[in-house]
Amino acid sequence: MERSILFFDIDGTILTEDGTRRIPDSTRQAISRAKERGHLTFINTGRVFLNIEPMIRALDFDGYVCGCGTNIYYQEKELFRNRISKELCRQTVLAARASKVEVLYEAAELNAVDVWNRDGSAGEKENRKFRELIDYFSRDGRAIGRTEDADFHFDKFTFWYPLEQNIQSFLDFLQKYYDIIDRGQEEEYGMYEVVPKGFSKGTGVQYLLDHFQISRTNSYAFGDSTNDLAMLTDVAHGIAMGGSPAVVQEKVEFVTRSIDEDGLFYAMEHFHLI
C-alpha cells in the first residue's frame, strides 16, 4: 500500500468532549497501527502549539499543523511560521477593546488576554466559558500573558461576545486583515475564531502534500466541526465524526461513528489504513 498522509482534529475527534477529556483506547490503537503501516500522521488544529496537551503529544504524531495553518511542525522541527506584525497586533487589540469583546490571543509560545473588561475597567472576565478556557490553558505551566506585556504578539485569536451586542464595526475591521470562522453560539455568547487572511487547516494540508510530494489521492482528514471544513474538503478523503453538524457531514466523503463509538478506528478500517 502506498504511503498516505492523515490529518486529525483534536476536540471531538481525538479527545472526547463529554467533560472527561479522554482519548479512547481504540483511537490510540488506530493511530499506532497507521504509523506501523508507514502512513504519516499529523494533528491539524486551530490550537497553537502551546495548547496541545502532553497526552496528545504522547501519541507520537509525525507532526502538527497548528493555529489553522499558521505554524507547521514535523518531527519537532518548525517547517513554517506566519508572523503578524506588531503594529497589526496592537491595532487589533485596540479594535477589540473598543468593541468590548473578550479575546484569547494565541501564539505558538504564549496565550494572552486583554486587561480590560467590557465596562472599561481592569479585572476578571465576565463570560463563564471564557474563564473556564483560561483556567484550562493555564494548567501544565502554560502562563497567560497580558496584551500590555513587552513580548505580546499573536498568531491567531478567538473572541466571544454577548448575543445582544452589536459587533459589526469590529467585524468590518477584521475583514480587512483576517479570515473569520463562525464557531456558533453557546448560552448567551457567540464565538468567532480569527486567522490571518489566506490561512486555514486546508493550507496546512497543501503545504505538507507539497513538502512530502504526496499525491492528493493519498490524503485523509478526520474532523467534526466547522473549522475543520477547509481541511476536510482539501483532502481527497474527508471523514466526519458521528454527531458532527449537518453542514460538516454534507461536505465529506464518509461519516463515521462518534468518538465514543470508536469512530476513528472504524473509519480507518473502512479506508484500509490499518
Protein backbone atom coordinates (compact mmCIF):
# COMPACT_ATOMS: atom_id res chain seq x y z
CA MET A 1 0.00 0.00 0.00
CA GLU A 2 1.27 3.49 -0.86
CA ARG A 3 2.11 5.84 1.95
CA SER A 4 -0.74 8.20 2.82
CA ILE A 5 -0.87 11.32 4.95
CA LEU A 6 -3.55 11.54 7.64
CA PHE A 7 -4.77 14.72 9.36
CA PHE A 8 -6.65 14.73 12.66
CA ASP A 9 -8.58 17.41 14.50
CA ILE A 10 -8.31 17.22 18.32
CA ASP A 11 -11.53 18.07 20.17
CA GLY A 12 -14.34 15.68 19.28
CA THR A 13 -12.04 13.63 17.04
CA ILE A 14 -9.07 12.54 19.17
CA LEU A 15 -10.24 13.90 22.52
CA THR A 16 -13.74 13.42 23.95
CA GLU A 17 -15.85 16.48 24.71
CA ASP A 18 -18.03 14.91 27.41
CA GLY A 19 -16.16 16.61 30.25
CA THR A 20 -13.73 13.72 30.81
CA ARG A 21 -11.33 14.88 28.05
CA ARG A 22 -10.00 11.40 27.38
CA ILE A 23 -8.55 9.58 24.38
CA PRO A 24 -10.38 6.31 23.62
CA ASP A 25 -8.16 3.23 23.58
CA SER A 26 -9.37 2.42 20.07
CA THR A 27 -8.11 5.82 18.90
CA ARG A 28 -4.66 5.15 20.33
CA GLN A 29 -4.60 1.76 18.60
CA ALA A 30 -5.71 3.18 15.25
CA ILE A 31 -3.03 5.89 15.20
CA SER A 32 -0.33 3.44 16.27
CA ARG A 33 -1.30 0.93 13.56
CA ALA A 34 -1.38 3.62 10.89
CA LYS A 35 2.16 4.64 11.80
CA GLU A 36 3.28 0.99 11.74
CA ARG A 37 1.98 0.77 8.17
CA GLY A 38 4.14 3.74 7.18
CA HIS A 39 1.49 6.44 6.94
CA LEU A 40 2.30 9.98 8.04
CA THR A 41 0.09 11.24 10.87
CA PHE A 42 -0.46 14.91 11.62
CA ILE A 43 -2.60 16.79 14.09
CA ASN A 44 -4.33 19.63 12.20
CA THR A 45 -5.84 22.01 14.72
CA GLY A 46 -6.97 25.54 15.37
CA ARG A 47 -4.94 25.40 18.56
CA VAL A 48 -1.49 26.92 18.68
CA PHE A 49 1.35 24.54 19.53
CA LEU A 50 1.47 25.62 23.17
CA ASN A 51 -2.11 24.46 23.71
CA ILE A 52 -1.64 20.88 22.54
CA GLU A 53 -1.69 18.86 25.76
CA PRO A 54 1.07 16.40 26.68
CA MET A 55 -1.35 13.47 26.35
CA ILE A 56 -1.91 14.39 22.69
CA ARG A 57 1.81 14.77 22.03
CA ALA A 58 2.39 11.38 23.69
CA LEU A 59 0.56 9.73 20.78
CA ASP A 60 3.74 10.37 18.79
CA PHE A 61 2.30 12.06 15.73
CA ASP A 62 4.76 12.82 12.95
CA GLY A 63 3.91 16.48 13.24
CA TYR A 64 1.41 19.26 13.81
CA VAL A 65 -0.41 21.83 11.73
CA CYS A 66 -1.25 24.49 14.34
CA GLY A 67 -3.19 27.73 14.52
CA CYS A 68 -5.25 26.97 11.40
CA GLY A 69 -2.21 26.55 9.17
CA THR A 70 -0.12 29.41 10.58
CA ASN A 71 2.51 27.14 12.16
CA ILE A 72 3.67 23.70 10.96
CA TYR A 73 6.00 21.17 12.64
CA TYR A 74 7.49 17.89 11.50
CA GLN A 75 9.39 15.69 13.96
CA GLU A 76 9.81 18.60 16.40
CA LYS A 77 11.26 20.85 13.68
CA GLU A 78 9.38 24.01 12.72
CA LEU A 79 8.78 23.96 8.96
CA PHE A 80 6.67 27.09 8.69
CA ARG A 81 5.58 30.10 10.76
CA ASN A 82 3.46 33.07 9.72
CA ARG A 83 4.05 36.16 11.85
CA ILE A 84 1.66 39.08 12.28
CA SER A 85 3.33 42.48 12.57
CA LYS A 86 3.48 44.13 15.98
CA GLU A 87 1.62 47.10 14.54
CA LEU A 88 -1.32 44.98 13.39
CA CYS A 89 -1.34 43.11 16.71
CA ARG A 90 -1.69 46.42 18.54
CA GLN A 91 -4.36 47.76 16.16
CA THR A 92 -6.34 44.57 16.65
CA VAL A 93 -6.19 44.81 20.44
CA LEU A 94 -7.43 48.40 20.35
CA ALA A 95 -10.27 47.50 17.97
CA ALA A 96 -11.29 44.55 20.16
CA ARG A 97 -11.17 46.71 23.27
CA ALA A 98 -13.33 49.39 21.63
CA SER A 99 -15.87 46.72 20.67
CA LYS A 100 -15.87 45.32 24.23
CA VAL A 101 -15.38 41.69 23.21
CA GLU A 102 -13.46 39.09 25.21
CA VAL A 103 -10.44 37.73 23.38
CA LEU A 104 -7.95 34.91 23.83
CA TYR A 105 -4.85 35.87 21.80
CA GLU A 106 -2.85 32.78 20.82
CA ALA A 107 0.73 32.28 19.64
CA ALA A 108 2.94 29.21 19.36
CA GLU A 109 4.69 30.08 22.63
CA LEU A 110 2.12 32.11 24.61
CA ASN A 111 -1.51 32.88 25.35
CA ALA A 112 -2.63 36.37 26.29
CA VAL A 113 -5.73 38.27 27.30
CA ASP A 114 -6.54 41.95 27.48
CA VAL A 115 -6.62 43.56 30.93
CA TRP A 116 -9.90 45.38 30.26
CA ASN A 117 -13.49 44.29 30.80
CA ARG A 118 -16.37 45.39 28.62
CA ASP A 119 -17.15 48.23 31.02
CA GLY A 120 -13.63 49.61 30.52
CA SER A 121 -12.32 48.51 33.91
CA ALA A 122 -9.44 46.17 34.59
CA GLY A 123 -10.20 42.84 36.23
CA GLU A 124 -11.74 39.41 35.80
CA LYS A 125 -13.57 38.43 32.64
CA GLU A 126 -17.35 38.06 32.74
CA ASN A 127 -18.04 35.11 30.43
CA ARG A 128 -18.01 31.83 32.38
CA LYS A 129 -16.96 29.77 29.34
CA PHE A 130 -14.11 32.16 28.65
CA ARG A 131 -12.92 31.99 32.26
CA GLU A 132 -13.04 28.18 32.16
CA LEU A 133 -10.94 28.14 28.97
CA ILE A 134 -8.37 30.47 30.50
CA ASP A 135 -8.21 28.22 33.55
CA TYR A 136 -7.75 25.14 31.37
CA PHE A 137 -4.99 26.69 29.28
CA SER A 138 -3.24 27.89 32.45
CA ARG A 139 -2.58 24.31 33.53
CA ASP A 140 0.66 22.43 32.90
CA GLY A 141 2.64 25.65 33.31
CA ARG A 142 1.04 27.44 30.36
CA ALA A 143 1.08 31.02 31.60
CA ILE A 144 -1.48 33.56 30.43
CA GLY A 145 0.15 36.87 29.50
CA ARG A 146 -1.34 40.32 29.02
CA THR A 147 -1.64 42.48 25.92
CA GLU A 148 0.46 45.13 27.64
CA ASP A 149 3.45 42.79 28.04
CA ALA A 150 6.56 43.79 26.09
CA ASP A 151 6.71 40.45 24.26
CA PHE A 152 3.00 40.33 23.40
CA HIS A 153 2.14 39.02 19.94
CA PHE A 154 -0.29 36.52 18.46
CA ASP A 155 -0.66 34.15 15.50
CA LYS A 156 -4.48 33.98 15.66
CA PHE A 157 -7.21 34.55 18.22
CA THR A 158 -10.67 33.63 19.41
CA PHE A 159 -13.27 36.01 20.77
CA TRP A 160 -16.65 35.90 22.50
CA TYR A 161 -19.43 38.49 22.58
CA PRO A 162 -22.90 38.74 24.17
CA LEU A 163 -25.54 37.90 21.57
CA GLU A 164 -27.36 41.17 22.15
CA GLN A 165 -24.20 43.18 21.46
CA ASN A 166 -23.60 44.83 18.06
CA ILE A 167 -20.06 43.94 16.93
CA GLN A 168 -20.38 44.87 13.26
CA SER A 169 -17.71 47.58 13.43
CA PHE A 170 -15.22 45.06 14.83
CA LEU A 171 -16.11 42.52 12.13
CA ASP A 172 -15.64 45.23 9.48
CA PHE A 173 -12.14 45.91 10.84
CA LEU A 174 -11.26 42.21 10.97
CA GLN A 175 -12.35 41.52 7.39
CA LYS A 176 -9.58 43.78 6.10
CA TYR A 177 -6.82 41.60 7.54
CA TYR A 178 -8.25 38.27 8.69
CA ASP A 179 -10.48 35.34 7.79
CA ILE A 180 -13.28 34.85 10.32
CA ILE A 181 -14.74 31.46 11.29
CA ASP A 182 -18.14 31.43 12.99
CA ARG A 183 -17.88 28.87 15.83
CA GLY A 184 -21.54 29.16 16.78
CA GLN A 185 -23.33 30.17 19.97
CA GLU A 186 -23.47 28.81 23.49
CA GLU A 187 -25.52 30.12 26.37
CA GLU A 188 -25.70 33.91 25.82
CA TYR A 189 -22.49 34.27 23.82
CA GLY A 190 -21.36 33.95 20.23
CA MET A 191 -17.84 32.84 19.33
CA TYR A 192 -15.54 33.55 16.39
CA GLU A 193 -12.11 32.16 15.52
CA VAL A 194 -9.91 34.63 13.61
CA VAL A 195 -6.84 33.80 11.49
CA PRO A 196 -4.69 35.83 9.08
CA LYS A 197 -6.12 36.07 5.57
CA GLY A 198 -5.28 33.13 3.37
CA PHE A 199 -4.58 30.63 6.15
CA SER A 200 -6.64 27.63 7.18
CA LYS A 201 -6.33 23.99 8.10
CA GLY A 202 -6.56 23.43 4.34
CA THR A 203 -3.44 25.49 3.56
CA GLY A 204 -1.61 23.35 6.11
CA VAL A 205 -2.71 20.25 4.19
CA GLN A 206 -1.43 21.65 0.89
CA TYR A 207 1.89 22.72 2.40
CA LEU A 208 2.61 19.18 3.61
CA LEU A 209 1.42 17.49 0.40
CA ASP A 210 3.93 19.66 -1.43
CA HIS A 211 6.66 19.19 1.18
CA PHE A 212 6.47 15.37 1.08
CA GLN A 213 5.46 15.19 -2.60
CA ILE A 214 2.45 13.04 -1.74
CA SER A 215 -0.43 12.81 -4.20
CA ARG A 216 -3.68 14.36 -3.01
CA THR A 217 -5.24 10.96 -3.74
CA ASN A 218 -3.44 9.64 -0.67
CA SER A 219 -4.66 12.30 1.76
CA TYR A 220 -7.24 11.78 4.51
CA ALA A 221 -8.68 14.09 7.16
CA PHE A 222 -10.80 13.43 10.23
CA GLY A 223 -12.80 16.17 11.94
CA ASP A 224 -16.09 17.18 13.49
CA SER A 225 -16.64 20.95 13.37
CA THR A 226 -16.99 23.92 11.05
CA ASN A 227 -13.36 24.99 11.40
CA ASP A 228 -12.41 21.55 10.01
CA LEU A 229 -14.20 22.15 6.70
CA ALA A 230 -11.16 23.55 4.87
CA MET A 231 -9.16 20.50 5.91
CA LEU A 232 -11.96 18.02 5.15
CA THR A 233 -12.57 19.42 1.69
CA ASP A 234 -8.93 19.98 0.70
CA VAL A 235 -8.00 16.30 1.08
CA ALA A 236 -9.13 13.52 -1.24
CA HIS A 237 -10.96 11.72 1.57
CA GLY A 238 -12.78 13.78 4.19
CA ILE A 239 -14.23 11.90 7.15
CA ALA A 240 -16.66 13.47 9.63
CA MET A 241 -17.13 12.06 13.11
CA GLY A 242 -20.61 10.86 14.02
CA GLY A 243 -22.56 13.66 15.66
CA SER A 244 -20.88 16.37 13.57
CA PRO A 245 -23.11 19.28 12.43
CA ALA A 246 -25.09 18.68 9.26
CA VAL A 247 -23.08 21.37 7.43
CA VAL A 248 -19.96 19.26 8.05
CA GLN A 249 -21.47 15.87 7.24
CA GLU A 250 -22.83 17.01 3.89
CA LYS A 251 -19.37 18.11 2.71
CA VAL A 252 -17.41 14.89 3.34
CA GLU A 253 -16.96 11.55 1.65
CA PHE A 254 -17.73 9.45 4.72
CA VAL A 255 -19.43 9.90 8.10
CA THR A 256 -18.10 7.51 10.70
CA ARG A 257 -19.36 6.62 14.16
CA SER A 258 -19.00 9.00 17.10
CA ILE A 259 -15.79 9.27 19.09
CA ASP A 260 -17.39 7.25 21.91
CA GLU A 261 -18.32 4.51 19.44
CA ASP A 262 -14.73 4.00 18.24
CA GLY A 263 -15.41 6.21 15.25
CA LEU A 264 -11.81 6.89 14.34
CA PHE A 265 -10.84 3.21 14.39
CA TYR A 266 -13.96 2.32 12.36
CA ALA A 267 -13.19 4.92 9.68
CA MET A 268 -9.54 3.94 9.35
CA GLU A 269 -10.55 0.30 8.93
CA HIS A 270 -13.15 1.33 6.35
CA PHE A 271 -10.45 3.01 4.24
CA HIS A 272 -7.99 0.12 4.80
CA LEU A 273 -5.48 2.42 6.51
CA ILE A 274 -4.99 -0.06 9.36
